[in-house]
């Protein structure tokens, strides 16, 4: 199941990067919110491997941004993915501790 989710995360990360790289799309805030929410969902689903899903989702924008424009500020997308995945993981762990 984890390999399947990892493949889905890689595909969604590529799709987000594709939409973000379109010349007629210039809304960075929408990209950041979508990345944050989706990373949070994956972090919630697999709290033990939150960092892996954050990397799978968020690495594509910095890679494309660096090779296309040599812009290091695209690394912020990776930071957003890590924050979202960690938040989802922390929420899941917190809910499990309350449940017990």
PDB file of N, CA and C in Angstrom:
ATOM      1  N   UNK A   1       0.809  -1.192   0.000  1.00  0.00           N
ATOM      2  CA  UNK A   1       0.000   0.000   0.000  1.00  0.00           C
ATOM      3  C   UNK A   1       0.857   1.262   0.000  1.00  0.00           C
ATOM      4  N   UNK A   2       1.975   1.210   0.726  1.00  0.00           N
ATOM      5  CA  UNK A   2       2.827   2.391   0.795  1.00  0.00           C
ATOM      6  C   UNK A   2       3.473   2.692  -0.554  1.00  0.00           C
ATOM      7  N   UNK A   3       3.856   1.667  -1.298  1.00  0.00           N
ATOM      8  CA  UNK A   3       4.445   1.892  -2.617  1.00  0.00           C
ATOM      9  C   UNK A   3       3.425   2.511  -3.559  1.00  0.00           C
ATOM     10  N   UNK A   4       2.189   2.075  -3.452  1.00  0.00           N
ATOM     11  CA  UNK A   4       1.128   2.655  -4.275  1.00  0.00           C
ATOM     12  C   UNK A   4       0.931   4.127  -3.928  1.00  0.00           C
ATOM     13  N   UNK A   5       0.861   4.435  -2.630  1.00  0.00           N
ATOM     14  CA  UNK A   5       0.694   5.826  -2.213  1.00  0.00           C
ATOM     15  C   UNK A   5       1.880   6.690  -2.622  1.00  0.00           C
ATOM     16  N   UNK A   6       3.073   6.122  -2.580  1.00  0.00           N
ATOM     17  CA  UNK A   6       4.254   6.858  -3.005  1.00  0.00           C
ATOM     18  C   UNK A   6       4.187   7.161  -4.500  1.00  0.00           C
ATOM     19  N   UNK A   7       3.750   6.196  -5.289  1.00  0.00           N
ATOM     20  CA  UNK A   7       3.573   6.434  -6.723  1.00  0.00           C
ATOM     21  C   UNK A   7       2.529   7.496  -7.001  1.00  0.00           C
ATOM     22  N   UNK A   8       1.445   7.471  -6.235  1.00  0.00           N
ATOM     23  CA  UNK A   8       0.405   8.495  -6.387  1.00  0.00           C
ATOM     24  C   UNK A   8       0.959   9.867  -6.008  1.00  0.00           C
ATOM     25  N   UNK A   9       1.745   9.935  -4.936  1.00  0.00           N
ATOM     26  CA  UNK A   9       2.339  11.202  -4.507  1.00  0.00           C
ATOM     27  C   UNK A   9       3.290  11.755  -5.566  1.00  0.00           C
ATOM     28  N   UNK A  10       4.078  10.891  -6.171  1.00  0.00           N
ATOM     29  CA  UNK A  10       4.989  11.331  -7.228  1.00  0.00           C
ATOM     30  C   UNK A  10       4.200  11.857  -8.419  1.00  0.00           C
ATOM     31  N   UNK A  11       3.140  11.156  -8.781  1.00  0.00           N
ATOM     32  CA  UNK A  11       2.312  11.592  -9.913  1.00  0.00           C
ATOM     33  C   UNK A  11       1.621  12.925  -9.615  1.00  0.00           C
ATOM     34  N   UNK A  12       1.092  13.079  -8.417  1.00  0.00           N
ATOM     35  CA  UNK A  12       0.430  14.331  -8.062  1.00  0.00           C
ATOM     36  C   UNK A  12       1.443  15.474  -8.006  1.00  0.00           C
ATOM     37  N   UNK A  13       2.622  15.204  -7.479  1.00  0.00           N
ATOM     38  CA  UNK A  13       3.674  16.225  -7.463  1.00  0.00           C
ATOM     39  C   UNK A  13       4.062  16.655  -8.865  1.00  0.00           C
ATOM     40  N   UNK A  14       4.147  15.693  -9.776  1.00  0.00           N
ATOM     41  CA  UNK A  14       4.432  16.032 -11.175  1.00  0.00           C
ATOM     42  C   UNK A  14       3.309  16.832 -11.806  1.00  0.00           C
ATOM     43  N   UNK A  15       2.077  16.488 -11.485  1.00  0.00           N
ATOM     44  CA  UNK A  15       0.929  17.221 -12.017  1.00  0.00           C
ATOM     45  C   UNK A  15       0.893  18.657 -11.491  1.00  0.00           C
ATOM     46  N   UNK A  16       1.164  18.835 -10.219  1.00  0.00           N
ATOM     47  CA  UNK A  16       1.217  20.184  -9.643  1.00  0.00           C
ATOM     48  C   UNK A  16       2.316  20.997 -10.317  1.00  0.00           C
ATOM     49  N   UNK A  17       3.453  20.378 -10.543  1.00  0.00           N
ATOM     50  CA  UNK A  17       4.551  21.072 -11.208  1.00  0.00           C
ATOM     51  C   UNK A  17       4.195  21.427 -12.642  1.00  0.00           C
ATOM     52  N   UNK A  18       3.521  20.533 -13.329  1.00  0.00           N
ATOM     53  CA  UNK A  18       3.101  20.795 -14.701  1.00  0.00           C
ATOM     54  C   UNK A  18       2.157  21.993 -14.766  1.00  0.00           C
ATOM     55  N   UNK A  19       1.179  22.013 -13.881  1.00  0.00           N
ATOM     56  CA  UNK A  19       0.227  23.129 -13.872  1.00  0.00           C
ATOM     57  C   UNK A  19       0.937  24.423 -13.486  1.00  0.00           C
ATOM     58  N   UNK A  20       1.826  24.356 -12.528  1.00  0.00           N
ATOM     59  CA  UNK A  20       2.555  25.543 -12.091  1.00  0.00           C
ATOM     60  C   UNK A  20       3.476  26.087 -13.177  1.00  0.00           C
ATOM     61  N   UNK A  21       3.987  25.218 -14.038  1.00  0.00           N
ATOM     62  CA  UNK A  21       4.925  25.635 -15.074  1.00  0.00           C
ATOM     63  C   UNK A  21       4.242  26.171 -16.333  1.00  0.00           C
ATOM     64  N   UNK A  22       2.934  26.069 -16.393  1.00  0.00           N
ATOM     65  CA  UNK A  22       2.211  26.563 -17.572  1.00  0.00           C
ATOM     66  C   UNK A  22       2.404  28.067 -17.695  1.00  0.00           C
ATOM     67  N   UNK A  23       2.592  28.570 -18.914  1.00  0.00           N
ATOM     68  CA  UNK A  23       2.823  30.009 -19.079  1.00  0.00           C
ATOM     69  C   UNK A  23       1.609  30.866 -18.711  1.00  0.00           C
ATOM     70  N   UNK A  24       0.414  30.319 -18.802  1.00  0.00           N
ATOM     71  CA  UNK A  24      -0.778  31.105 -18.482  1.00  0.00           C
ATOM     72  C   UNK A  24      -1.206  30.974 -17.019  1.00  0.00           C
ATOM     73  N   UNK A  25      -0.450  30.268 -16.205  1.00  0.00           N
ATOM     74  CA  UNK A  25      -0.751  30.111 -14.782  1.00  0.00           C
ATOM     75  C   UNK A  25       0.301  30.856 -13.976  1.00  0.00           C
ATOM     76  N   UNK A  26      -0.127  31.831 -13.211  1.00  0.00           N
ATOM     77  CA  UNK A  26       0.853  32.617 -12.454  1.00  0.00           C
ATOM     78  C   UNK A  26       0.417  32.832 -11.011  1.00  0.00           C
ATOM     79  N   UNK A  27      -0.356  31.923 -10.457  1.00  0.00           N
ATOM     80  CA  UNK A  27      -0.833  32.080  -9.095  1.00  0.00           C
ATOM     81  C   UNK A  27      -0.073  31.141  -8.167  1.00  0.00           C
ATOM     82  N   UNK A  28       0.970  31.653  -7.570  1.00  0.00           N
ATOM     83  CA  UNK A  28       1.816  30.851  -6.701  1.00  0.00           C
ATOM     84  C   UNK A  28       1.101  30.448  -5.420  1.00  0.00           C
ATOM     85  N   UNK A  29       0.208  31.298  -4.938  1.00  0.00           N
ATOM     86  CA  UNK A  29      -0.506  30.996  -3.694  1.00  0.00           C
ATOM     87  C   UNK A  29      -1.389  29.753  -3.846  1.00  0.00           C
ATOM     88  N   UNK A  30      -2.022  29.614  -4.992  1.00  0.00           N
ATOM     89  CA  UNK A  30      -2.859  28.431  -5.225  1.00  0.00           C
ATOM     90  C   UNK A  30      -1.995  27.177  -5.225  1.00  0.00           C
ATOM     91  N   UNK A  31      -0.853  27.246  -5.865  1.00  0.00           N
ATOM     92  CA  UNK A  31       0.065  26.105  -5.890  1.00  0.00           C
ATOM     93  C   UNK A  31       0.510  25.743  -4.481  1.00  0.00           C
ATOM     94  N   UNK A  32       0.850  26.745  -3.688  1.00  0.00           N
ATOM     95  CA  UNK A  32       1.317  26.500  -2.322  1.00  0.00           C
ATOM     96  C   UNK A  32       0.218  25.874  -1.459  1.00  0.00           C
ATOM     97  N   UNK A  33      -1.000  26.373  -1.583  1.00  0.00           N
ATOM     98  CA  UNK A  33      -2.100  25.831  -0.775  1.00  0.00           C
ATOM     99  C   UNK A  33      -2.419  24.394  -1.189  1.00  0.00           C
ATOM    100  N   UNK A  34      -2.459  24.133  -2.484  1.00  0.00           N
ATOM    101  CA  UNK A  34      -2.731  22.774  -2.959  1.00  0.00           C
ATOM    102  C   UNK A  34      -1.640  21.822  -2.481  1.00  0.00           C
ATOM    103  N   UNK A  35      -0.397  22.243  -2.582  1.00  0.00           N
ATOM    104  CA  UNK A  35       0.716  21.412  -2.131  1.00  0.00           C
ATOM    105  C   UNK A  35       0.647  21.174  -0.623  1.00  0.00           C
ATOM    106  N   UNK A  36       0.309  22.189   0.142  1.00  0.00           N
ATOM    107  CA  UNK A  36       0.196  22.071   1.588  1.00  0.00           C
ATOM    108  C   UNK A  36      -0.907  21.088   1.978  1.00  0.00           C
ATOM    109  N   UNK A  37      -2.059  21.210   1.353  1.00  0.00           N
ATOM    110  CA  UNK A  37      -3.195  20.358   1.696  1.00  0.00           C
ATOM    111  C   UNK A  37      -2.945  18.903   1.291  1.00  0.00           C
ATOM    112  N   UNK A  38      -2.456  18.696   0.094  1.00  0.00           N
ATOM    113  CA  UNK A  38      -2.221  17.322  -0.367  1.00  0.00           C
ATOM    114  C   UNK A  38      -1.111  16.659   0.444  1.00  0.00           C
ATOM    115  N   UNK A  39      -0.068  17.404   0.764  1.00  0.00           N
ATOM    116  CA  UNK A  39       0.987  16.847   1.618  1.00  0.00           C
ATOM    117  C   UNK A  39       0.442  16.521   3.000  1.00  0.00           C
ATOM    118  N   UNK A  40      -0.454  17.352   3.503  1.00  0.00           N
ATOM    119  CA  UNK A  40      -1.085  17.070   4.793  1.00  0.00           C
ATOM    120  C   UNK A  40      -1.902  15.798   4.763  1.00  0.00           C
ATOM    121  N   UNK A  41      -2.591  15.573   3.671  1.00  0.00           N
ATOM    122  CA  UNK A  41      -3.383  14.346   3.532  1.00  0.00           C
ATOM    123  C   UNK A  41      -2.475  13.119   3.537  1.00  0.00           C
ATOM    124  N   UNK A  42      -1.392  13.182   2.772  1.00  0.00           N
ATOM    125  CA  UNK A  42      -0.468  12.042   2.749  1.00  0.00           C
ATOM    126  C   UNK A  42       0.211  11.847   4.104  1.00  0.00           C
ATOM    127  N   UNK A  43       0.546  12.937   4.782  1.00  0.00           N
ATOM    128  CA  UNK A  43       1.122  12.831   6.120  1.00  0.00           C
ATOM    129  C   UNK A  43       0.152  12.215   7.112  1.00  0.00           C
ATOM    130  N   UNK A  44      -1.133  12.524   6.946  1.00  0.00           N
ATOM    131  CA  UNK A  44      -2.159  11.954   7.811  1.00  0.00           C
ATOM    132  C   UNK A  44      -2.343  10.463   7.538  1.00  0.00           C
ATOM    133  N   UNK A  45      -2.270  10.086   6.262  1.00  0.00           N
ATOM    134  CA  UNK A  45      -2.454   8.678   5.909  1.00  0.00           C
ATOM    135  C   UNK A  45      -1.302   7.801   6.381  1.00  0.00           C
ATOM    136  N   UNK A  46      -0.095   8.284   6.267  1.00  0.00           N
ATOM    137  CA  UNK A  46       1.096   7.526   6.676  1.00  0.00           C
ATOM    138  C   UNK A  46       1.991   8.406   7.551  1.00  0.00           C
ATOM    139  N   UNK A  47       1.654   8.547   8.838  1.00  0.00           N
ATOM    140  CA  UNK A  47       2.400   9.478   9.683  1.00  0.00           C
ATOM    141  C   UNK A  47       3.855   9.076   9.932  1.00  0.00           C
ATOM    142  N   UNK A  48       4.163   7.810   9.802  1.00  0.00           N
ATOM    143  CA  UNK A  48       5.544   7.375  10.047  1.00  0.00           C
ATOM    144  C   UNK A  48       6.484   7.824   8.926  1.00  0.00           C
ATOM    145  N   UNK A  49       5.966   7.916   7.708  1.00  0.00           N
ATOM    146  CA  UNK A  49       6.789   8.276   6.548  1.00  0.00           C
ATOM    147  C   UNK A  49       6.391   9.624   5.958  1.00  0.00           C
ATOM    148  N   UNK A  50       6.024  10.568   6.806  1.00  0.00           N
ATOM    149  CA  UNK A  50       5.583  11.877   6.331  1.00  0.00           C
ATOM    150  C   UNK A  50       6.657  12.556   5.482  1.00  0.00           C
ATOM    151  N   UNK A  51       7.905  12.407   5.860  1.00  0.00           N
ATOM    152  CA  UNK A  51       9.001  13.080   5.156  1.00  0.00           C
ATOM    153  C   UNK A  51       9.162  12.536   3.731  1.00  0.00           C
ATOM    154  N   UNK A  52       8.902  11.252   3.549  1.00  0.00           N
ATOM    155  CA  UNK A  52       9.035  10.646   2.227  1.00  0.00           C
ATOM    156  C   UNK A  52       7.978  11.183   1.268  1.00  0.00           C
ATOM    157  N   UNK A  53       6.764  11.314   1.766  1.00  0.00           N
ATOM    158  CA  UNK A  53       5.693  11.843   0.928  1.00  0.00           C
ATOM    159  C   UNK A  53       5.888  13.333   0.651  1.00  0.00           C
ATOM    160  N   UNK A  54       6.408  14.067   1.614  1.00  0.00           N
ATOM    161  CA  UNK A  54       6.707  15.483   1.389  1.00  0.00           C
ATOM    162  C   UNK A  54       7.756  15.629   0.295  1.00  0.00           C
ATOM    163  N   UNK A  55       8.745  14.793   0.324  1.00  0.00           N
ATOM    164  CA  UNK A  55       9.788  14.829  -0.702  1.00  0.00           C
ATOM    165  C   UNK A  55       9.238  14.430  -2.064  1.00  0.00           C
ATOM    166  N   UNK A  56       8.416  13.396  -2.093  1.00  0.00           N
ATOM    167  CA  UNK A  56       7.843  12.931  -3.360  1.00  0.00           C
ATOM    168  C   UNK A  56       6.935  13.984  -3.986  1.00  0.00           C
ATOM    169  N   UNK A  57       6.218  14.729  -3.171  1.00  0.00           N
ATOM    170  CA  UNK A  57       5.321  15.759  -3.689  1.00  0.00           C
ATOM    171  C   UNK A  57       6.046  17.048  -4.047  1.00  0.00           C
ATOM    172  N   UNK A  58       6.956  17.458  -3.198  1.00  0.00           N
ATOM    173  CA  UNK A  58       7.490  18.805  -3.325  1.00  0.00           C
ATOM    174  C   UNK A  58       8.797  18.975  -4.060  1.00  0.00           C
ATOM    175  N   UNK A  59       9.473  17.921  -4.444  1.00  0.00           N
ATOM    176  CA  UNK A  59      10.800  18.051  -5.053  1.00  0.00           C
ATOM    177  C   UNK A  59      10.745  18.510  -6.503  1.00  0.00           C
ATOM    178  N   UNK A  60       9.623  18.290  -7.156  1.00  0.00           N
ATOM    179  CA  UNK A  60       9.564  18.542  -8.600  1.00  0.00           C
ATOM    180  C   UNK A  60       9.605  20.021  -8.954  1.00  0.00           C
ATOM    181  N   UNK A  61       8.965  20.860  -8.170  1.00  0.00           N
ATOM    182  CA  UNK A  61       8.972  22.297  -8.462  1.00  0.00           C
ATOM    183  C   UNK A  61      10.385  22.874  -8.331  1.00  0.00           C
ATOM    184  N   UNK A  62      11.143  22.569  -7.263  1.00  0.00           N
ATOM    185  CA  UNK A  62      12.514  23.085  -7.205  1.00  0.00           C
ATOM    186  C   UNK A  62      13.425  22.544  -8.319  1.00  0.00           C
ATOM    187  N   UNK A  63      13.231  21.286  -8.682  1.00  0.00           N
ATOM    188  CA  UNK A  63      14.058  20.732  -9.763  1.00  0.00           C
ATOM    189  C   UNK A  63      13.795  21.484 -11.059  1.00  0.00           C
ATOM    190  N   UNK A  64      12.525  21.642 -11.402  1.00  0.00           N
ATOM    191  CA  UNK A  64      12.189  22.357 -12.628  1.00  0.00           C
ATOM    192  C   UNK A  64      12.608  23.820 -12.547  1.00  0.00           C
ATOM    193  N   UNK A  65      12.358  24.440 -11.409  1.00  0.00           N
ATOM    194  CA  UNK A  65      12.724  25.848 -11.247  1.00  0.00           C
ATOM    195  C   UNK A  65      14.211  26.087 -11.336  1.00  0.00           C
ATOM    196  N   UNK A  66      14.997  25.178 -10.795  1.00  0.00           N
ATOM    197  CA  UNK A  66      16.445  25.368 -10.847  1.00  0.00           C
ATOM    198  C   UNK A  66      16.988  25.166 -12.256  1.00  0.00           C
ATOM    199  N   UNK A  67      16.535  24.141 -12.943  1.00  0.00           N
ATOM    200  CA  UNK A  67      17.060  23.886 -14.281  1.00  0.00           C
ATOM    201  C   UNK A  67      16.505  24.836 -15.331  1.00  0.00           C
ATOM    202  N   UNK A  68      15.339  25.374 -15.067  1.00  0.00           N
ATOM    203  CA  UNK A  68      14.734  26.274 -16.039  1.00  0.00           C
ATOM    204  C   UNK A  68      15.194  27.717 -15.869  1.00  0.00           C
ATOM    205  N   UNK A  69      15.204  28.202 -14.621  1.00  0.00           N
ATOM    206  CA  UNK A  69      15.497  29.618 -14.377  1.00  0.00           C
ATOM    207  C   UNK A  69      16.604  29.844 -13.355  1.00  0.00           C
ATOM    208  N   UNK A  70      17.202  28.805 -12.834  1.00  0.00           N
ATOM    209  CA  UNK A  70      18.230  28.889 -11.794  1.00  0.00           C
ATOM    210  C   UNK A  70      17.720  29.689 -10.590  1.00  0.00           C
ATOM    211  N   UNK A  71      16.465  29.484 -10.246  1.00  0.00           N
ATOM    212  CA  UNK A  71      15.818  30.191  -9.157  1.00  0.00           C
ATOM    213  C   UNK A  71      15.786  29.302  -7.918  1.00  0.00           C
ATOM    214  N   UNK A  72      16.542  29.690  -6.903  1.00  0.00           N
ATOM    215  CA  UNK A  72      16.597  28.891  -5.683  1.00  0.00           C
ATOM    216  C   UNK A  72      15.399  29.124  -4.770  1.00  0.00           C
ATOM    217  N   UNK A  73      14.610  30.160  -5.038  1.00  0.00           N
ATOM    218  CA  UNK A  73      13.421  30.414  -4.229  1.00  0.00           C
ATOM    219  C   UNK A  73      12.356  29.344  -4.431  1.00  0.00           C
ATOM    220  N   UNK A  74      12.496  28.545  -5.474  1.00  0.00           N
ATOM    221  CA  UNK A  74      11.543  27.457  -5.671  1.00  0.00           C
ATOM    222  C   UNK A  74      11.701  26.365  -4.606  1.00  0.00           C
ATOM    223  N   UNK A  75      12.785  26.419  -3.840  1.00  0.00           N
ATOM    224  CA  UNK A  75      12.952  25.480  -2.731  1.00  0.00           C
ATOM    225  C   UNK A  75      11.887  25.693  -1.655  1.00  0.00           C
ATOM    226  N   UNK A  76      11.241  26.854  -1.675  1.00  0.00           N
ATOM    227  CA  UNK A  76      10.163  27.108  -0.725  1.00  0.00           C
ATOM    228  C   UNK A  76       8.995  26.141  -0.930  1.00  0.00           C
ATOM    229  N   UNK A  77       8.799  25.678  -2.156  1.00  0.00           N
ATOM    230  CA  UNK A  77       7.748  24.690  -2.414  1.00  0.00           C
ATOM    231  C   UNK A  77       8.032  23.399  -1.649  1.00  0.00           C
ATOM    232  N   UNK A  78       9.277  23.031  -1.561  1.00  0.00           N
ATOM    233  CA  UNK A  78       9.657  21.840  -0.796  1.00  0.00           C
ATOM    234  C   UNK A  78       9.393  22.066   0.693  1.00  0.00           C
ATOM    235  N   UNK A  79       9.686  23.260   1.170  1.00  0.00           N
ATOM    236  CA  UNK A  79       9.416  23.587   2.571  1.00  0.00           C
ATOM    237  C   UNK A  79       7.913  23.534   2.861  1.00  0.00           C
ATOM    238  N   UNK A  80       7.101  24.020   1.935  1.00  0.00           N
ATOM    239  CA  UNK A  80       5.641  23.974   2.105  1.00  0.00           C
ATOM    240  C   UNK A  80       5.169  22.529   2.179  1.00  0.00           C
ATOM    241  N   UNK A  81       5.710  21.670   1.341  1.00  0.00           N
ATOM    242  CA  UNK A  81       5.331  20.260   1.357  1.00  0.00           C
ATOM    243  C   UNK A  81       5.726  19.605   2.681  1.00  0.00           C
ATOM    244  N   UNK A  82       6.892  19.938   3.204  1.00  0.00           N
ATOM    245  CA  UNK A  82       7.321  19.371   4.479  1.00  0.00           C
ATOM    246  C   UNK A  82       6.437  19.848   5.625  1.00  0.00           C
ATOM    247  N   UNK A  83       6.061  21.117   5.612  1.00  0.00           N
ATOM    248  CA  UNK A  83       5.176  21.644   6.659  1.00  0.00           C
ATOM    249  C   UNK A  83       3.818  20.947   6.606  1.00  0.00           C
ATOM    250  N   UNK A  84       3.278  20.800   5.414  1.00  0.00           N
ATOM    251  CA  UNK A  84       1.977  20.144   5.277  1.00  0.00           C
ATOM    252  C   UNK A  84       2.006  18.691   5.712  1.00  0.00           C
ATOM    253  N   UNK A  85       3.010  17.955   5.280  1.00  0.00           N
ATOM    254  CA  UNK A  85       3.100  16.535   5.627  1.00  0.00           C
ATOM    255  C   UNK A  85       3.347  16.344   7.125  1.00  0.00           C
ATOM    256  N   UNK A  86       4.178  17.189   7.698  1.00  0.00           N
ATOM    257  CA  UNK A  86       4.417  17.089   9.139  1.00  0.00           C
ATOM    258  C   UNK A  86       3.160  17.445   9.918  1.00  0.00           C
ATOM    259  N   UNK A  87       2.434  18.440   9.447  1.00  0.00           N
ATOM    260  CA  UNK A  87       1.182  18.814  10.113  1.00  0.00           C
ATOM    261  C   UNK A  87       0.159  17.695  10.065  1.00  0.00           C
ATOM    262  N   UNK A  88       0.020  17.049   8.929  1.00  0.00           N
ATOM    263  CA  UNK A  88      -0.893  15.918   8.817  1.00  0.00           C
ATOM    264  C   UNK A  88      -0.487  14.765   9.711  1.00  0.00           C
ATOM    265  N   UNK A  89       0.809  14.511   9.764  1.00  0.00           N
ATOM    266  CA  UNK A  89       1.327  13.443  10.617  1.00  0.00           C
ATOM    267  C   UNK A  89       1.084  13.751  12.095  1.00  0.00           C
ATOM    268  N   UNK A  90       1.354  14.987  12.482  1.00  0.00           N
ATOM    269  CA  UNK A  90       1.161  15.388  13.874  1.00  0.00           C
ATOM    270  C   UNK A  90      -0.315  15.314  14.264  1.00  0.00           C
ATOM    271  N   UNK A  91      -1.195  15.692  13.351  1.00  0.00           N
ATOM    272  CA  UNK A  91      -2.627  15.604  13.621  1.00  0.00           C
ATOM    273  C   UNK A  91      -3.065  14.163  13.841  1.00  0.00           C
ATOM    274  N   UNK A  92      -2.582  13.274  12.986  1.00  0.00           N
ATOM    275  CA  UNK A  92      -2.939  11.855  13.114  1.00  0.00           C
ATOM    276  C   UNK A  92      -2.431  11.275  14.431  1.00  0.00           C
ATOM    277  N   UNK A  93      -1.197  11.587  14.795  1.00  0.00           N
ATOM    278  CA  UNK A  93      -0.627  11.086  16.036  1.00  0.00           C
ATOM    279  C   UNK A  93      -1.376  11.650  17.240  1.00  0.00           C
ATOM    280  N   UNK A  94      -1.730  12.911  17.151  1.00  0.00           N
ATOM    281  CA  UNK A  94      -2.484  13.548  18.249  1.00  0.00           C
ATOM    282  C   UNK A  94      -3.868  12.915  18.401  1.00  0.00           C
ATOM    283  N   UNK A  95      -4.539  12.670  17.285  1.00  0.00           N
ATOM    284  CA  UNK A  95      -5.855  12.040  17.347  1.00  0.00           C
ATOM    285  C   UNK A  95      -5.775  10.622  17.905  1.00  0.00           C
ATOM    286  N   UNK A  96      -4.717   9.908  17.556  1.00  0.00           N
ATOM    287  CA  UNK A  96      -4.557   8.548  18.078  1.00  0.00           C
ATOM    288  C   UNK A  96      -4.297   8.552  19.574  1.00  0.00           C
ATOM    289  N   UNK A  97      -3.560   9.543  20.057  1.00  0.00           N
ATOM    290  CA  UNK A  97      -3.276   9.601  21.495  1.00  0.00           C
ATOM    291  C   UNK A  97      -4.520   9.995  22.284  1.00  0.00           C
ATOM    292  N   UNK A  98      -5.378  10.811  21.715  1.00  0.00           N
ATOM    293  CA  UNK A  98      -6.631  11.172  22.382  1.00  0.00           C
ATOM    294  C   UNK A  98      -7.579   9.982  22.433  1.00  0.00           C
ATOM    295  N   UNK A  99      -7.564   9.187  21.365  1.00  0.00           N
ATOM    296  CA  UNK A  99      -8.455   8.043  21.256  1.00  0.00           C
ATOM    297  C   UNK A  99      -8.183   6.980  22.315  1.00  0.00           C
ATOM    298  N   UNK A 100      -6.935   6.854  22.735  1.00  0.00           N
ATOM    299  CA  UNK A 100      -6.546   5.804  23.686  1.00  0.00           C
ATOM    300  C   UNK A 100      -6.951   6.110  25.061  1.00  0.00           C
TER     301      UNK A 100
END
